[in-house]
Amino acid sequence: MDVGAVAVLAGITAFGGMLAVLAGAYGLHQARRVRETGVRVQALVKRRPGAAHEESAPPQPFLQFVTEDDRVMEVVSPVPATRRHPLKHGDNVLVSYDPADPRNVVVHGWDRSGLERAFITGGVLVVLLSVALLLVAIASR
């Protein structure tokens, strides 16, 4: 394979990897910003309309809370219910919301930084793969 073609392939691969790194870093930054500077309130966990029984409820219920300016917000939970953290209908959870955009919510105790860290790790691995691919193409020349 021509070194120029490999260079183009490596460039496209590195670009995709960098996008994954940036997406993960942005997600971590946003969650940290809202957690540290957002307004903390108690939110009521509600099942989605149409879910007749708790067992059939979707994994991401609604969270209902009142903002500082007395608006009632109802947003989809940013974290899914799990066996460890079931988010049952009627429970209260501590959330932080961004006052500029109350739909941007972080649920305390349900950290999803693992997903963002996986994006960063995967992106770095893809960038390293593209550099290795380019080096192998140059060395075989």
Protein backbone atom coordinates (compact mmCIF):
# COMPACT_ATOMS: atom_id res chain seq x y z
CA MET A 1 0.00 0.00 0.00
CA ASP A 2 1.25 3.48 -0.84
CA VAL A 3 2.54 5.59 2.08
CA GLY A 4 0.29 8.47 1.00
CA ALA A 5 -2.81 6.29 1.19
CA VAL A 6 -1.74 4.99 4.60
CA ALA A 7 -1.13 8.58 5.76
CA VAL A 8 -4.67 9.56 4.73
CA LEU A 9 -6.11 6.52 6.50
CA ALA A 10 -4.03 7.27 9.61
CA GLY A 11 -5.14 10.92 9.55
CA ILE A 12 -8.82 10.00 9.34
CA THR A 13 -8.36 7.46 12.14
CA ALA A 14 -6.52 9.97 14.33
CA PHE A 15 -9.26 12.56 13.72
CA GLY A 16 -11.91 10.09 14.90
CA GLY A 17 -9.84 9.27 17.97
CA MET A 18 -9.40 12.94 18.82
CA LEU A 19 -13.17 13.48 18.51
CA ALA A 20 -13.71 10.70 21.05
CA VAL A 21 -11.12 12.24 23.40
CA LEU A 22 -12.77 15.66 23.10
CA ALA A 23 -16.27 14.23 23.66
CA GLY A 24 -15.14 12.43 26.81
CA ALA A 25 -13.26 15.45 28.15
CA TYR A 26 -16.24 17.73 27.47
CA GLY A 27 -18.60 15.33 29.27
CA LEU A 28 -16.31 15.19 32.31
CA HIS A 29 -15.95 18.98 32.34
CA GLN A 30 -19.70 19.61 32.10
CA ALA A 31 -20.54 17.12 34.85
CA ARG A 32 -17.87 18.57 37.15
CA ARG A 33 -18.99 22.13 36.43
CA VAL A 34 -22.65 21.42 37.19
CA ARG A 35 -21.76 19.36 40.27
CA GLU A 36 -19.54 22.12 41.69
CA THR A 37 -21.35 25.32 40.66
CA GLY A 38 -24.91 24.15 40.10
CA VAL A 39 -27.86 24.56 42.42
CA ARG A 40 -28.51 21.53 44.65
CA VAL A 41 -32.11 20.44 45.17
CA GLN A 42 -34.06 17.31 46.00
CA ALA A 43 -35.77 15.74 43.01
CA LEU A 44 -38.73 13.38 42.99
CA VAL A 45 -38.30 10.24 40.88
CA LYS A 46 -41.34 9.63 38.67
CA ARG A 47 -42.02 6.84 36.22
CA ARG A 48 -42.75 7.82 32.67
CA PRO A 49 -46.38 8.21 31.64
CA GLY A 50 -47.80 4.97 30.33
CA ALA A 51 -45.66 2.76 32.56
CA ALA A 52 -48.35 0.84 34.45
CA HIS A 53 -46.13 -1.01 36.86
CA GLU A 54 -42.74 -0.27 38.35
CA GLU A 55 -41.29 -3.50 36.90
CA SER A 56 -42.17 -2.38 33.38
CA ALA A 57 -40.88 1.16 33.88
CA PRO A 58 -38.09 2.23 31.55
CA PRO A 59 -34.60 2.37 33.04
CA GLN A 60 -34.44 6.17 32.93
CA PRO A 61 -37.36 7.73 34.79
CA PHE A 62 -38.23 11.40 35.09
CA LEU A 63 -36.81 13.64 37.80
CA GLN A 64 -39.08 16.44 39.01
CA PHE A 65 -37.72 19.41 40.98
CA VAL A 66 -38.40 23.07 41.63
CA THR A 67 -35.84 25.65 40.50
CA GLU A 68 -34.79 28.75 42.44
CA ASP A 69 -37.26 30.85 40.43
CA ASP A 70 -40.14 28.46 41.33
CA ARG A 71 -40.37 26.69 37.97
CA VAL A 72 -41.28 23.02 38.15
CA MET A 73 -38.89 21.06 35.95
CA GLU A 74 -39.37 17.50 34.82
CA VAL A 75 -36.36 16.03 33.04
CA VAL A 76 -35.32 12.55 32.00
CA SER A 77 -32.80 11.17 34.46
CA PRO A 78 -29.28 11.40 33.03
CA VAL A 79 -28.47 8.03 34.63
CA PRO A 80 -30.33 4.76 34.16
CA ALA A 81 -31.83 2.81 37.02
CA THR A 82 -29.73 -0.18 38.03
CA ARG A 83 -30.07 -2.98 40.55
CA ARG A 84 -27.64 -1.13 42.79
CA HIS A 85 -29.47 2.20 42.38
CA PRO A 86 -33.06 1.38 41.35
CA LEU A 87 -34.48 4.97 41.17
CA LYS A 88 -37.92 3.80 42.26
CA HIS A 89 -41.05 5.86 41.67
CA GLY A 90 -41.55 8.21 44.63
CA ASP A 91 -37.91 8.23 45.77
CA ASN A 92 -36.04 11.49 46.36
CA VAL A 93 -32.53 12.03 45.02
CA LEU A 94 -30.10 14.92 45.35
CA VAL A 95 -29.41 16.65 42.03
CA SER A 96 -27.50 19.71 40.90
CA TYR A 97 -28.80 21.68 37.95
CA ASP A 98 -27.33 24.45 35.86
CA PRO A 99 -29.28 27.67 36.60
CA ALA A 100 -28.74 28.85 33.01
CA ASP A 101 -30.23 25.59 31.66
CA PRO A 102 -32.13 23.61 34.32
CA ARG A 103 -32.43 20.65 31.94
CA ASN A 104 -28.70 20.04 32.49
CA VAL A 105 -28.77 17.86 35.64
CA VAL A 106 -26.25 15.77 37.57
CA VAL A 107 -27.53 13.16 40.02
CA HIS A 108 -25.30 12.94 43.10
CA GLY A 109 -24.17 9.43 43.97
CA TRP A 110 -24.72 8.14 40.43
CA ASP A 111 -21.40 8.98 38.83
CA ARG A 112 -21.18 8.30 35.09
CA SER A 113 -17.61 9.41 34.67
CA GLY A 114 -16.73 5.87 33.58
CA LEU A 115 -18.40 6.41 30.22
CA GLU A 116 -16.51 9.63 29.59
CA ARG A 117 -13.24 8.04 30.70
CA ALA A 118 -13.90 5.15 28.31
CA PHE A 119 -14.33 7.63 25.44
CA ILE A 120 -11.02 9.30 26.36
CA THR A 121 -9.19 5.97 26.68
CA GLY A 122 -10.64 4.61 23.44
CA GLY A 123 -9.80 7.82 21.60
CA VAL A 124 -6.20 7.77 22.82
CA LEU A 125 -5.86 4.14 21.74
CA VAL A 126 -7.22 4.95 18.28
CA VAL A 127 -4.79 7.87 17.91
CA LEU A 128 -1.90 5.62 18.97
CA LEU A 129 -3.07 2.98 16.49
CA SER A 130 -3.06 5.54 13.68
CA VAL A 131 0.47 6.70 14.60
CA ALA A 132 1.67 3.08 14.70
CA LEU A 133 0.02 2.42 11.34
CA LEU A 134 1.82 5.40 9.84
CA LEU A 135 5.18 4.41 11.35
CA VAL A 136 4.86 0.84 10.02
CA ALA A 137 4.03 2.18 6.55
CA ILE A 138 7.04 4.50 6.60
CA ALA A 139 9.39 1.78 7.95
CA SER A 140 8.31 -0.74 5.30
CA ARG A 141 9.11 1.69 2.53
